[in-house]
Amino acid sequence: MTTAHPILIPDAIASLAGVPVLVATAGEKTAWRFVDFFTATLRNPNTREAYLRAVSRFLAWCEGRGVRSLAAIRPIMVASYIEQLPGAPPTVKQHLSAIRQCFDWLVSGGLLDSNPAASVRGPKHVVKKGKTPVLDAQQARDLLNAINVNTIAGLRDRALIGVMVYGFARVSAVIGMRVEDYYPNGKRWWFRLYEKGGKFHEVPAHHTAEEYMDAYLAAAGLSAATHKKEPLFRSLDRRRKLTGRPMHRIDALRMIKRRSKGTSVPPGICCHTFRATGITAYLENGGTIEKAQAIAAHESPRTTKLYDRTDDAISLDEIERILI
């Protein structure tokens, strides 16, 4: 079985190394079309990596069951694979979507007559309430106040969390910021956040987030005048000094887990917790779903509503309405 090599490595693309066996044996034209699907149609690197992994895993599964060509794959094989695939429904649906889109691309290129995944249905999954852990105001303050800001690491981490909370920002958008993406606009400072699909939106900086950012930039010696194209949130070396490399989202998650120890924050939090926490706090203080949607750059208000935990608590008054 041949596993796929990360598609973004230029040498791997140039040599077509690492494509699944069923693709490689279909000929050079099919192999290039396969590579083109991941490099030309998928702009988000995380989506590209997930889709490549999903399609390669499926093709390896087919090969292991005696399938010798892409044209021999039938809908029942796709359905059988999806049926036995472990994981939550959203993960399974993502795998099916990756397989379906990849085969669509091969069909549109005239390399296959039909898409075997076209008629296969994924697991039903309806979400009306998000499951991301949300902090209350006191827990969020406890976490921020527990950070030692006498170090550059502490100033960086507080600023990063501040942008996620007060800007309703995804961790990938925050760690992707450059120094120039924190900029003055009139009398206030703004954040420029690059989102999924290559889109970006701009959000005014909350005064607390602005305070955190200014302290971090001053200590780091970063300014738009001399470092504007450089990463804003940088990784640390072994001496706990800032490097020129941006943080990875895994670095951010590990930092959050580490910072939450010894505080009132529950252990199950993740990077997305702060986006959900900011939206919930905003709605609890009279904000509207429509405005929260605009700040968070959600395509649909239904997505924003998943972060709304203002109705989670059931009051004693409501329980006492049960008169028997």
C-alpha atoms as a PDB file:
ATOM      1  CA  MET A   1       0.000   0.000   0.000  1.00  0.00           C
ATOM      2  CA  THR A   2       1.319   3.429  -0.906  1.00  0.00           C
ATOM      3  CA  THR A   3       0.379   6.273   1.406  1.00  0.00           C
ATOM      4  CA  ALA A   4       0.061   9.800   0.132  1.00  0.00           C
ATOM      5  CA  HIS A   5       2.942  12.167   0.692  1.00  0.00           C
ATOM      6  CA  PRO A   6       2.005  15.721   1.797  1.00  0.00           C
ATOM      7  CA  ILE A   7       0.876  17.274  -1.458  1.00  0.00           C
ATOM      8  CA  LEU A   8       2.346  20.692  -0.787  1.00  0.00           C
ATOM      9  CA  ILE A   9       5.961  19.554  -1.093  1.00  0.00           C
ATOM     10  CA  PRO A  10       7.050  20.752  -4.567  1.00  0.00           C
ATOM     11  CA  ASP A  11       9.332  17.782  -5.226  1.00  0.00           C
ATOM     12  CA  ALA A  12       6.500  15.374  -4.453  1.00  0.00           C
ATOM     13  CA  ILE A  13       4.235  17.137  -6.913  1.00  0.00           C
ATOM     14  CA  ALA A  14       6.879  17.306  -9.599  1.00  0.00           C
ATOM     15  CA  SER A  15       7.590  13.592  -9.405  1.00  0.00           C
ATOM     16  CA  LEU A  16       4.030  12.504  -8.610  1.00  0.00           C
ATOM     17  CA  ALA A  17       5.544  10.652  -5.663  1.00  0.00           C
ATOM     18  CA  GLY A  18       3.211   9.427  -2.981  1.00  0.00           C
ATOM     19  CA  VAL A  19      -0.068   9.286  -4.921  1.00  0.00           C
ATOM     20  CA  PRO A  20      -2.162   6.218  -4.064  1.00  0.00           C
ATOM     21  CA  VAL A  21      -1.457   3.070  -6.061  1.00  0.00           C
ATOM     22  CA  LEU A  22      -4.879   3.067  -7.757  1.00  0.00           C
ATOM     23  CA  VAL A  23      -4.226   6.593  -9.012  1.00  0.00           C
ATOM     24  CA  ALA A  24      -0.648   5.945 -10.100  1.00  0.00           C
ATOM     25  CA  THR A  25      -1.609   2.835 -12.078  1.00  0.00           C
ATOM     26  CA  ALA A  26      -4.339   4.775 -13.912  1.00  0.00           C
ATOM     27  CA  GLY A  27      -1.699   6.698 -15.824  1.00  0.00           C
ATOM     28  CA  GLU A  28       0.087  10.014 -15.759  1.00  0.00           C
ATOM     29  CA  LYS A  29      -2.918  12.075 -16.854  1.00  0.00           C
ATOM     30  CA  THR A  30      -5.050  10.723 -14.003  1.00  0.00           C
ATOM     31  CA  ALA A  31      -2.226  11.194 -11.521  1.00  0.00           C
ATOM     32  CA  TRP A  32      -1.837  14.844 -12.488  1.00  0.00           C
ATOM     33  CA  ARG A  33      -5.587  15.379 -12.351  1.00  0.00           C
ATOM     34  CA  PHE A  34      -5.591  13.874  -8.855  1.00  0.00           C
ATOM     35  CA  VAL A  35      -2.818  16.230  -7.747  1.00  0.00           C
ATOM     36  CA  ASP A  36      -4.590  19.180  -9.356  1.00  0.00           C
ATOM     37  CA  PHE A  37      -7.706  18.539  -7.277  1.00  0.00           C
ATOM     38  CA  PHE A  38      -5.844  19.132  -4.021  1.00  0.00           C
ATOM     39  CA  THR A  39      -3.619  21.951  -5.212  1.00  0.00           C
ATOM     40  CA  ALA A  40      -6.003  23.923  -7.427  1.00  0.00           C
ATOM     41  CA  THR A  41      -9.462  23.541  -5.889  1.00  0.00           C
ATOM     42  CA  LEU A  42      -8.723  23.524  -2.156  1.00  0.00           C
ATOM     43  CA  ARG A  43      -7.259  26.766  -0.881  1.00  0.00           C
ATOM     44  CA  ASN A  44      -7.384  26.116   2.873  1.00  0.00           C
ATOM     45  CA  PRO A  45      -4.295  24.074   3.884  1.00  0.00           C
ATOM     46  CA  ASN A  46      -6.128  22.333   6.733  1.00  0.00           C
ATOM     47  CA  THR A  47      -8.956  21.252   4.401  1.00  0.00           C
ATOM     48  CA  ARG A  48      -6.434  20.153   1.796  1.00  0.00           C
ATOM     49  CA  GLU A  49      -4.595  18.001   4.321  1.00  0.00           C
ATOM     50  CA  ALA A  50      -7.819  16.466   5.686  1.00  0.00           C
ATOM     51  CA  TYR A  51      -9.228  15.712   2.220  1.00  0.00           C
ATOM     52  CA  LEU A  52      -5.978  14.177   1.005  1.00  0.00           C
ATOM     53  CA  ARG A  53      -5.846  11.952   4.056  1.00  0.00           C
ATOM     54  CA  ALA A  54      -9.495  10.902   3.615  1.00  0.00           C
ATOM     55  CA  VAL A  55      -9.244  10.064  -0.098  1.00  0.00           C
ATOM     56  CA  SER A  56      -5.924   8.236   0.282  1.00  0.00           C
ATOM     57  CA  ARG A  57      -7.300   6.186   3.154  1.00  0.00           C
ATOM     58  CA  PHE A  58     -10.344   5.175   1.101  1.00  0.00           C
ATOM     59  CA  LEU A  59      -8.295   4.185  -1.936  1.00  0.00           C
ATOM     60  CA  ALA A  60      -5.927   2.146   0.236  1.00  0.00           C
ATOM     61  CA  TRP A  61      -8.993   0.398   1.724  1.00  0.00           C
ATOM     62  CA  CYS A  62     -10.226  -0.432  -1.787  1.00  0.00           C
ATOM     63  CA  GLU A  63      -6.816  -1.721  -2.848  1.00  0.00           C
ATOM     64  CA  GLY A  64      -6.676  -3.936   0.221  1.00  0.00           C
ATOM     65  CA  ARG A  65      -9.923  -5.572  -0.901  1.00  0.00           C
ATOM     66  CA  GLY A  66      -8.690  -6.505  -4.341  1.00  0.00           C
ATOM     67  CA  VAL A  67      -9.805  -3.461  -6.349  1.00  0.00           C
ATOM     68  CA  ARG A  68      -7.316  -2.942  -9.169  1.00  0.00           C
ATOM     69  CA  SER A  69      -8.581   0.223 -10.878  1.00  0.00           C
ATOM     70  CA  LEU A  70     -10.492   3.403 -10.115  1.00  0.00           C
ATOM     71  CA  ALA A  71     -13.138   2.425 -12.676  1.00  0.00           C
ATOM     72  CA  ALA A  72     -13.851  -0.764 -10.701  1.00  0.00           C
ATOM     73  CA  ILE A  73     -14.970   1.143  -7.619  1.00  0.00           C
ATOM     74  CA  ARG A  74     -18.743   0.877  -7.173  1.00  0.00           C
ATOM     75  CA  PRO A  75     -21.224   2.808  -4.987  1.00  0.00           C
ATOM     76  CA  ILE A  76     -21.647  -0.208  -2.703  1.00  0.00           C
ATOM     77  CA  MET A  77     -17.920  -0.085  -1.947  1.00  0.00           C
ATOM     78  CA  VAL A  78     -18.109   3.578  -0.978  1.00  0.00           C
ATOM     79  CA  ALA A  79     -21.202   2.884   1.143  1.00  0.00           C
ATOM     80  CA  SER A  80     -19.506  -0.069   2.847  1.00  0.00           C
ATOM     81  CA  TYR A  81     -16.434   2.013   3.607  1.00  0.00           C
ATOM     82  CA  ILE A  82     -18.479   4.871   5.053  1.00  0.00           C
ATOM     83  CA  GLU A  83     -20.573   2.443   7.106  1.00  0.00           C
ATOM     84  CA  GLN A  84     -17.551   0.994   8.899  1.00  0.00           C
ATOM     85  CA  LEU A  85     -15.647   4.262   9.267  1.00  0.00           C
ATOM     86  CA  PRO A  86     -15.119   5.165  12.938  1.00  0.00           C
ATOM     87  CA  GLY A  87     -15.626   8.650  14.250  1.00  0.00           C
ATOM     88  CA  ALA A  88     -18.383  11.161  14.868  1.00  0.00           C
ATOM     89  CA  PRO A  89     -20.928  11.892  12.084  1.00  0.00           C
ATOM     90  CA  PRO A  90     -19.253  15.208  11.079  1.00  0.00           C
ATOM     91  CA  THR A  91     -15.937  13.387  10.560  1.00  0.00           C
ATOM     92  CA  VAL A  92     -17.587  10.647   8.505  1.00  0.00           C
ATOM     93  CA  LYS A  93     -19.470  13.220   6.414  1.00  0.00           C
ATOM     94  CA  GLN A  94     -16.201  15.063   5.748  1.00  0.00           C
ATOM     95  CA  HIS A  95     -14.603  11.828   4.499  1.00  0.00           C
ATOM     96  CA  LEU A  96     -17.536  11.188   2.168  1.00  0.00           C
ATOM     97  CA  SER A  97     -17.442  14.777   0.907  1.00  0.00           C
ATOM     98  CA  ALA A  98     -13.727  14.469   0.134  1.00  0.00           C
ATOM     99  CA  ILE A  99     -14.238  11.222  -1.778  1.00  0.00           C
ATOM    100  CA  ARG A 100     -17.243  12.570  -3.680  1.00  0.00           C
ATOM    101  CA  GLN A 101     -15.539  15.819  -4.696  1.00  0.00           C
ATOM    102  CA  CYS A 102     -12.335  14.084  -5.777  1.00  0.00           C
ATOM    103  CA  PHE A 103     -14.216  11.635  -8.004  1.00  0.00           C
ATOM    104  CA  ASP A 104     -16.328  14.500  -9.384  1.00  0.00           C
ATOM    105  CA  TRP A 105     -13.074  16.175 -10.396  1.00  0.00           C
ATOM    106  CA  LEU A 106     -11.873  13.025 -12.165  1.00  0.00           C
ATOM    107  CA  VAL A 107     -15.237  12.638 -13.940  1.00  0.00           C
ATOM    108  CA  SER A 108     -15.259  16.281 -15.087  1.00  0.00           C
ATOM    109  CA  GLY A 109     -11.765  15.726 -16.470  1.00  0.00           C
ATOM    110  CA  GLY A 110     -13.018  12.878 -18.635  1.00  0.00           C
ATOM    111  CA  LEU A 111     -11.008  10.245 -16.766  1.00  0.00           C
ATOM    112  CA  LEU A 112     -13.951   8.335 -15.289  1.00  0.00           C
ATOM    113  CA  ASP A 113     -17.443   7.727 -16.638  1.00  0.00           C
ATOM    114  CA  SER A 114     -19.248   8.133 -13.311  1.00  0.00           C
ATOM    115  CA  ASN A 115     -18.751   9.056  -9.682  1.00  0.00           C
ATOM    116  CA  PRO A 116     -19.266   6.019  -7.406  1.00  0.00           C
ATOM    117  CA  ALA A 117     -19.787   8.270  -4.383  1.00  0.00           C
ATOM    118  CA  ALA A 118     -22.463  10.452  -5.976  1.00  0.00           C
ATOM    119  CA  SER A 119     -25.440   8.445  -4.689  1.00  0.00           C
ATOM    120  CA  VAL A 120     -23.994   7.453  -1.305  1.00  0.00           C
ATOM    121  CA  ARG A 121     -25.602   9.125   1.679  1.00  0.00           C
ATOM    122  CA  GLY A 122     -23.686   9.969   4.813  1.00  0.00           C
ATOM    123  CA  PRO A 123     -24.904   9.723   8.413  1.00  0.00           C
ATOM    124  CA  LYS A 124     -27.664  12.084   9.437  1.00  0.00           C
ATOM    125  CA  HIS A 125     -26.352  14.808  11.683  1.00  0.00           C
ATOM    126  CA  VAL A 126     -28.371  17.769  12.924  1.00  0.00           C
ATOM    127  CA  VAL A 127     -26.761  20.215  15.337  1.00  0.00           C
ATOM    128  CA  LYS A 128     -28.879  22.765  17.175  1.00  0.00           C
ATOM    129  CA  LYS A 129     -26.494  23.495  20.004  1.00  0.00           C
ATOM    130  CA  GLY A 130     -22.712  23.696  19.963  1.00  0.00           C
ATOM    131  CA  LYS A 131     -20.634  21.434  22.187  1.00  0.00           C
ATOM    132  CA  THR A 132     -17.584  23.682  22.515  1.00  0.00           C
ATOM    133  CA  PRO A 133     -16.916  24.355  26.231  1.00  0.00           C
ATOM    134  CA  VAL A 134     -17.697  27.961  27.146  1.00  0.00           C
ATOM    135  CA  LEU A 135     -16.224  29.946  30.043  1.00  0.00           C
ATOM    136  CA  ASP A 136     -18.232  32.357  32.127  1.00  0.00           C
ATOM    137  CA  ALA A 137     -16.882  35.856  32.680  1.00  0.00           C
ATOM    138  CA  GLN A 138     -15.214  34.987  35.995  1.00  0.00           C
ATOM    139  CA  GLN A 139     -13.455  31.925  34.572  1.00  0.00           C
ATOM    140  CA  ALA A 140     -12.159  33.939  31.617  1.00  0.00           C
ATOM    141  CA  ARG A 141     -10.834  36.616  33.982  1.00  0.00           C
ATOM    142  CA  ASP A 142      -9.220  33.983  36.210  1.00  0.00           C
ATOM    143  CA  LEU A 143      -7.345  32.548  33.243  1.00  0.00           C
ATOM    144  CA  LEU A 144      -6.160  35.904  31.930  1.00  0.00           C
ATOM    145  CA  ASN A 145      -5.160  37.143  35.384  1.00  0.00           C
ATOM    146  CA  ALA A 146      -3.213  33.942  36.092  1.00  0.00           C
ATOM    147  CA  ILE A 147      -0.847  34.540  33.186  1.00  0.00           C
ATOM    148  CA  ASN A 148       2.557  35.828  34.275  1.00  0.00           C
ATOM    149  CA  VAL A 149       3.054  38.920  32.129  1.00  0.00           C
ATOM    150  CA  ASN A 150       6.592  39.542  33.362  1.00  0.00           C
ATOM    151  CA  THR A 151       7.791  37.378  30.469  1.00  0.00           C
ATOM    152  CA  ILE A 152       7.467  37.791  26.713  1.00  0.00           C
ATOM    153  CA  ALA A 153       5.720  34.410  26.578  1.00  0.00           C
ATOM    154  CA  GLY A 154       3.080  35.601  29.020  1.00  0.00           C
ATOM    155  CA  LEU A 155       2.488  38.851  27.151  1.00  0.00           C
ATOM    156  CA  ARG A 156       2.179  36.952  23.871  1.00  0.00           C
ATOM    157  CA  ASP A 157      -0.217  34.376  25.270  1.00  0.00           C
ATOM    158  CA  ARG A 158      -2.453  36.967  26.930  1.00  0.00           C
ATOM    159  CA  ALA A 159      -2.624  38.984  23.715  1.00  0.00           C
ATOM    160  CA  LEU A 160      -3.419  35.897  21.630  1.00  0.00           C
ATOM    161  CA  ILE A 161      -6.257  34.837  23.940  1.00  0.00           C
ATOM    162  CA  GLY A 162      -7.470  38.439  24.011  1.00  0.00           C
ATOM    163  CA  VAL A 163      -7.863  38.562  20.228  1.00  0.00           C
ATOM    164  CA  MET A 164      -9.775  35.261  20.217  1.00  0.00           C
ATOM    165  CA  VAL A 165     -12.140  36.372  22.991  1.00  0.00           C
ATOM    166  CA  TYR A 166     -12.721  40.012  22.076  1.00  0.00           C
ATOM    167  CA  GLY A 167     -12.529  39.528  18.304  1.00  0.00           C
ATOM    168  CA  PHE A 168     -14.531  36.254  18.119  1.00  0.00           C
ATOM    169  CA  ALA A 169     -11.558  34.990  16.120  1.00  0.00           C
ATOM    170  CA  ARG A 170     -10.584  31.472  15.063  1.00  0.00           C
ATOM    171  CA  VAL A 171      -7.171  30.387  16.266  1.00  0.00           C
ATOM    172  CA  SER A 172      -6.003  29.826  12.670  1.00  0.00           C
ATOM    173  CA  ALA A 173      -6.904  33.428  11.807  1.00  0.00           C
ATOM    174  CA  VAL A 174      -5.073  34.784  14.846  1.00  0.00           C
ATOM    175  CA  ILE A 175      -1.833  32.853  14.449  1.00  0.00           C
ATOM    176  CA  GLY A 176      -1.903  33.780  10.750  1.00  0.00           C
ATOM    177  CA  MET A 177      -1.824  37.501  11.519  1.00  0.00           C
ATOM    178  CA  ARG A 178       1.119  39.608  10.483  1.00  0.00           C
ATOM    179  CA  VAL A 179       2.295  42.665  12.383  1.00  0.00           C
ATOM    180  CA  GLU A 180       0.532  44.917   9.877  1.00  0.00           C
ATOM    181  CA  ASP A 181      -2.793  43.195  10.622  1.00  0.00           C
ATOM    182  CA  TYR A 182      -3.045  45.152  13.878  1.00  0.00           C
ATOM    183  CA  TYR A 183      -3.371  48.678  12.621  1.00  0.00           C
ATOM    184  CA  PRO A 184      -4.767  52.140  13.493  1.00  0.00           C
ATOM    185  CA  ASN A 185      -8.005  53.353  11.930  1.00  0.00           C
ATOM    186  CA  GLY A 186      -8.966  56.788  13.145  1.00  0.00           C
ATOM    187  CA  LYS A 187      -8.610  56.932  16.921  1.00  0.00           C
ATOM    188  CA  ARG A 188      -8.858  53.192  17.449  1.00  0.00           C
ATOM    189  CA  TRP A 189      -6.900  50.097  16.488  1.00  0.00           C
ATOM    190  CA  TRP A 190      -8.305  47.260  14.383  1.00  0.00           C
ATOM    191  CA  PHE A 191      -7.624  43.576  13.686  1.00  0.00           C
ATOM    192  CA  ARG A 192      -7.485  42.154  10.164  1.00  0.00           C
ATOM    193  CA  LEU A 193      -8.358  38.463  10.287  1.00  0.00           C
ATOM    194  CA  TYR A 194      -7.957  36.065   7.375  1.00  0.00           C
ATOM    195  CA  GLU A 195     -10.679  33.445   7.395  1.00  0.00           C
ATOM    196  CA  LYS A 196     -11.584  30.284   5.500  1.00  0.00           C
ATOM    197  CA  GLY A 197     -11.622  30.455   1.718  1.00  0.00           C
ATOM    198  CA  GLY A 198      -9.046  33.245   1.540  1.00  0.00           C
ATOM    199  CA  LYS A 199     -11.522  35.848   2.822  1.00  0.00           C
ATOM    200  CA  PHE A 200     -10.661  38.424   5.433  1.00  0.00           C
ATOM    201  CA  HIS A 201     -12.626  40.781   7.617  1.00  0.00           C
ATOM    202  CA  GLU A 202     -11.704  43.657   9.885  1.00  0.00           C
ATOM    203  CA  VAL A 203     -12.800  44.076  13.495  1.00  0.00           C
ATOM    204  CA  PRO A 204     -12.235  47.052  15.815  1.00  0.00           C
ATOM    205  CA  ALA A 205     -10.057  46.106  18.792  1.00  0.00           C
ATOM    206  CA  HIS A 206     -11.777  46.020  22.163  1.00  0.00           C
ATOM    207  CA  HIS A 207      -9.957  48.341  24.557  1.00  0.00           C
ATOM    208  CA  THR A 208      -8.776  45.390  26.687  1.00  0.00           C
ATOM    209  CA  ALA A 209      -7.468  43.490  23.665  1.00  0.00           C
ATOM    210  CA  GLU A 210      -5.779  46.699  22.525  1.00  0.00           C
ATOM    211  CA  GLU A 211      -4.075  47.001  25.911  1.00  0.00           C
ATOM    212  CA  TYR A 212      -2.855  43.405  25.722  1.00  0.00           C
ATOM    213  CA  MET A 213      -1.563  43.857  22.163  1.00  0.00           C
ATOM    214  CA  ASP A 214       0.272  47.095  22.902  1.00  0.00           C
ATOM    215  CA  ALA A 215       2.062  45.557  25.888  1.00  0.00           C
ATOM    216  CA  TYR A 216       3.110  42.510  23.839  1.00  0.00           C
ATOM    217  CA  LEU A 217       4.334  44.517  20.839  1.00  0.00           C
ATOM    218  CA  ALA A 218       6.302  46.916  23.016  1.00  0.00           C
ATOM    219  CA  ALA A 219       8.066  44.084  24.828  1.00  0.00           C
ATOM    220  CA  ALA A 220       8.695  42.179  21.585  1.00  0.00           C
ATOM    221  CA  GLY A 221      10.003  45.240  19.782  1.00  0.00           C
ATOM    222  CA  LEU A 222       7.628  44.723  16.860  1.00  0.00           C
ATOM    223  CA  SER A 223       6.258  47.589  14.806  1.00  0.00           C
ATOM    224  CA  ALA A 224       4.499  47.910  11.469  1.00  0.00           C
ATOM    225  CA  ALA A 225       7.187  50.322  10.341  1.00  0.00           C
ATOM    226  CA  THR A 226       9.938  47.688  10.353  1.00  0.00           C
ATOM    227  CA  HIS A 227       8.204  44.295  10.723  1.00  0.00           C
ATOM    228  CA  LYS A 228       4.861  44.663   8.952  1.00  0.00           C
ATOM    229  CA  LYS A 229       5.074  41.473   6.846  1.00  0.00           C
ATOM    230  CA  GLU A 230       6.442  39.353   9.678  1.00  0.00           C
ATOM    231  CA  PRO A 231       4.408  36.984  11.896  1.00  0.00           C
ATOM    232  CA  LEU A 232       2.633  38.690  14.775  1.00  0.00           C
ATOM    233  CA  PHE A 233       2.361  35.744  17.172  1.00  0.00           C
ATOM    234  CA  ARG A 234       5.692  33.936  17.115  1.00  0.00           C
ATOM    235  CA  SER A 235       6.954  30.655  18.468  1.00  0.00           C
ATOM    236  CA  LEU A 236       9.554  30.460  21.240  1.00  0.00           C
ATOM    237  CA  ASP A 237      12.968  28.849  21.174  1.00  0.00           C
ATOM    238  CA  ARG A 238      14.484  26.739  23.950  1.00  0.00           C
ATOM    239  CA  ARG A 239      15.603  29.855  25.780  1.00  0.00           C
ATOM    240  CA  ARG A 240      12.004  31.129  25.764  1.00  0.00           C
ATOM    241  CA  LYS A 241      12.873  33.854  23.288  1.00  0.00           C
ATOM    242  CA  LEU A 242      10.707  34.797  20.316  1.00  0.00           C
ATOM    243  CA  THR A 243      11.722  33.351  16.962  1.00  0.00           C
ATOM    244  CA  GLY A 244      10.839  34.606  13.503  1.00  0.00           C
ATOM    245  CA  ARG A 245       8.440  31.700  12.941  1.00  0.00           C
ATOM    246  CA  PRO A 246       4.688  31.914  13.485  1.00  0.00           C
ATOM    247  CA  MET A 247       3.004  29.802  16.138  1.00  0.00           C
ATOM    248  CA  HIS A 248       1.218  26.642  15.032  1.00  0.00           C
ATOM    249  CA  ARG A 249      -2.360  26.019  16.169  1.00  0.00           C
ATOM    250  CA  ILE A 250      -1.079  23.006  18.139  1.00  0.00           C
ATOM    251  CA  ASP A 251       1.296  25.353  19.973  1.00  0.00           C
ATOM    252  CA  ALA A 252      -1.684  27.552  20.847  1.00  0.00           C
ATOM    253  CA  LEU A 253      -3.701  24.583  22.136  1.00  0.00           C
ATOM    254  CA  ARG A 254      -0.846  23.346  24.302  1.00  0.00           C
ATOM    255  CA  MET A 255      -0.384  26.848  25.671  1.00  0.00           C
ATOM    256  CA  ILE A 256      -4.065  27.099  26.603  1.00  0.00           C
ATOM    257  CA  LYS A 257      -4.021  23.716  28.334  1.00  0.00           C
ATOM    258  CA  ARG A 258      -0.921  24.730  30.251  1.00  0.00           C
ATOM    259  CA  ARG A 259      -2.262  28.155  31.230  1.00  0.00           C
ATOM    260  CA  SER A 260      -5.572  26.732  32.461  1.00  0.00           C
ATOM    261  CA  LYS A 261      -3.989  24.452  35.059  1.00  0.00           C
ATOM    262  CA  GLY A 262      -4.524  25.673  38.600  1.00  0.00           C
ATOM    263  CA  THR A 263      -7.351  28.019  37.607  1.00  0.00           C
ATOM    264  CA  SER A 264     -11.139  27.725  37.781  1.00  0.00           C
ATOM    265  CA  VAL A 265     -11.187  26.862  34.081  1.00  0.00           C
ATOM    266  CA  PRO A 266     -12.468  23.326  33.271  1.00  0.00           C
ATOM    267  CA  PRO A 267      -9.884  20.957  31.737  1.00  0.00           C
ATOM    268  CA  GLY A 268     -11.837  20.331  28.513  1.00  0.00           C
ATOM    269  CA  ILE A 269     -11.315  23.771  26.976  1.00  0.00           C
ATOM    270  CA  CYS A 270      -9.801  24.270  23.536  1.00  0.00           C
ATOM    271  CA  CYS A 271      -8.862  27.173  21.272  1.00  0.00           C
ATOM    272  CA  HIS A 272     -12.445  27.447  20.025  1.00  0.00           C
ATOM    273  CA  THR A 273     -13.613  27.945  23.624  1.00  0.00           C
ATOM    274  CA  PHE A 274     -12.550  31.580  23.492  1.00  0.00           C
ATOM    275  CA  ARG A 275     -14.488  32.336  20.312  1.00  0.00           C
ATOM    276  CA  ALA A 276     -17.596  30.783  21.889  1.00  0.00           C
ATOM    277  CA  THR A 277     -16.936  32.571  25.190  1.00  0.00           C
ATOM    278  CA  GLY A 278     -16.703  35.962  23.504  1.00  0.00           C
ATOM    279  CA  ILE A 279     -19.903  35.447  21.528  1.00  0.00           C
ATOM    280  CA  THR A 280     -21.794  34.229  24.606  1.00  0.00           C
ATOM    281  CA  ALA A 281     -20.616  37.154  26.744  1.00  0.00           C
ATOM    282  CA  TYR A 282     -21.621  39.564  23.977  1.00  0.00           C
ATOM    283  CA  LEU A 283     -25.124  38.088  23.714  1.00  0.00           C
ATOM    284  CA  GLU A 284     -25.572  38.017  27.485  1.00  0.00           C
ATOM    285  CA  ASN A 285     -24.889  41.751  27.565  1.00  0.00           C
ATOM    286  CA  GLY A 286     -27.572  42.617  25.019  1.00  0.00           C
ATOM    287  CA  GLY A 287     -25.777  41.966  21.735  1.00  0.00           C
ATOM    288  CA  THR A 288     -27.724  40.592  18.797  1.00  0.00           C
ATOM    289  CA  ILE A 289     -27.200  37.415  16.793  1.00  0.00           C
ATOM    290  CA  GLU A 290     -26.966  39.505  13.607  1.00  0.00           C
ATOM    291  CA  LYS A 291     -24.136  41.666  14.933  1.00  0.00           C
ATOM    292  CA  ALA A 292     -22.365  38.666  16.450  1.00  0.00           C
ATOM    293  CA  GLN A 293     -22.562  36.987  13.053  1.00  0.00           C
ATOM    294  CA  ALA A 294     -20.895  40.006  11.438  1.00  0.00           C
ATOM    295  CA  ILE A 295     -18.100  40.151  14.028  1.00  0.00           C
ATOM    296  CA  ALA A 296     -17.459  36.404  13.799  1.00  0.00           C
ATOM    297  CA  ALA A 297     -17.679  36.433   9.971  1.00  0.00           C
ATOM    298  CA  HIS A 298     -20.150  33.557   9.891  1.00  0.00           C
ATOM    299  CA  GLU A 299     -21.968  32.902   6.631  1.00  0.00           C
ATOM    300  CA  SER A 300     -25.222  32.067   8.416  1.00  0.00           C
ATOM    301  CA  PRO A 301     -26.808  33.228  11.684  1.00  0.00           C
ATOM    302  CA  ARG A 302     -27.556  29.543  12.366  1.00  0.00           C
ATOM    303  CA  THR A 303     -23.835  28.981  12.790  1.00  0.00           C
ATOM    304  CA  THR A 304     -23.567  31.888  15.228  1.00  0.00           C
ATOM    305  CA  LYS A 305     -26.532  30.547  17.194  1.00  0.00           C
ATOM    306  CA  LEU A 306     -24.565  27.375  17.922  1.00  0.00           C
ATOM    307  CA  TYR A 307     -22.275  29.500  20.094  1.00  0.00           C
ATOM    308  CA  ASP A 308     -25.152  31.105  22.002  1.00  0.00           C
ATOM    309  CA  ARG A 309     -25.221  29.575  25.495  1.00  0.00           C
ATOM    310  CA  THR A 310     -27.351  32.282  27.099  1.00  0.00           C
ATOM    311  CA  ASP A 311     -30.271  29.860  27.492  1.00  0.00           C
ATOM    312  CA  ASP A 312     -28.235  26.956  28.841  1.00  0.00           C
ATOM    313  CA  ALA A 313     -29.079  27.559  32.480  1.00  0.00           C
ATOM    314  CA  ILE A 314     -32.498  26.405  33.605  1.00  0.00           C
ATOM    315  CA  SER A 315     -33.708  28.696  36.382  1.00  0.00           C
ATOM    316  CA  LEU A 316     -35.281  27.485  39.619  1.00  0.00           C
ATOM    317  CA  ASP A 317     -38.305  29.618  38.823  1.00  0.00           C
ATOM    318  CA  GLU A 318     -38.943  27.552  35.705  1.00  0.00           C
ATOM    319  CA  ILE A 319     -38.627  24.272  37.604  1.00  0.00           C
ATOM    320  CA  GLU A 320     -41.082  25.520  40.234  1.00  0.00           C
ATOM    321  CA  ARG A 321     -43.684  25.913  37.526  1.00  0.00           C
ATOM    322  CA  ILE A 322     -44.180  22.138  37.739  1.00  0.00           C
ATOM    323  CA  LEU A 323     -47.235  22.042  39.972  1.00  0.00           C
ATOM    324  CA  ILE A 324     -48.433  18.582  40.876  1.00  0.00           C
END
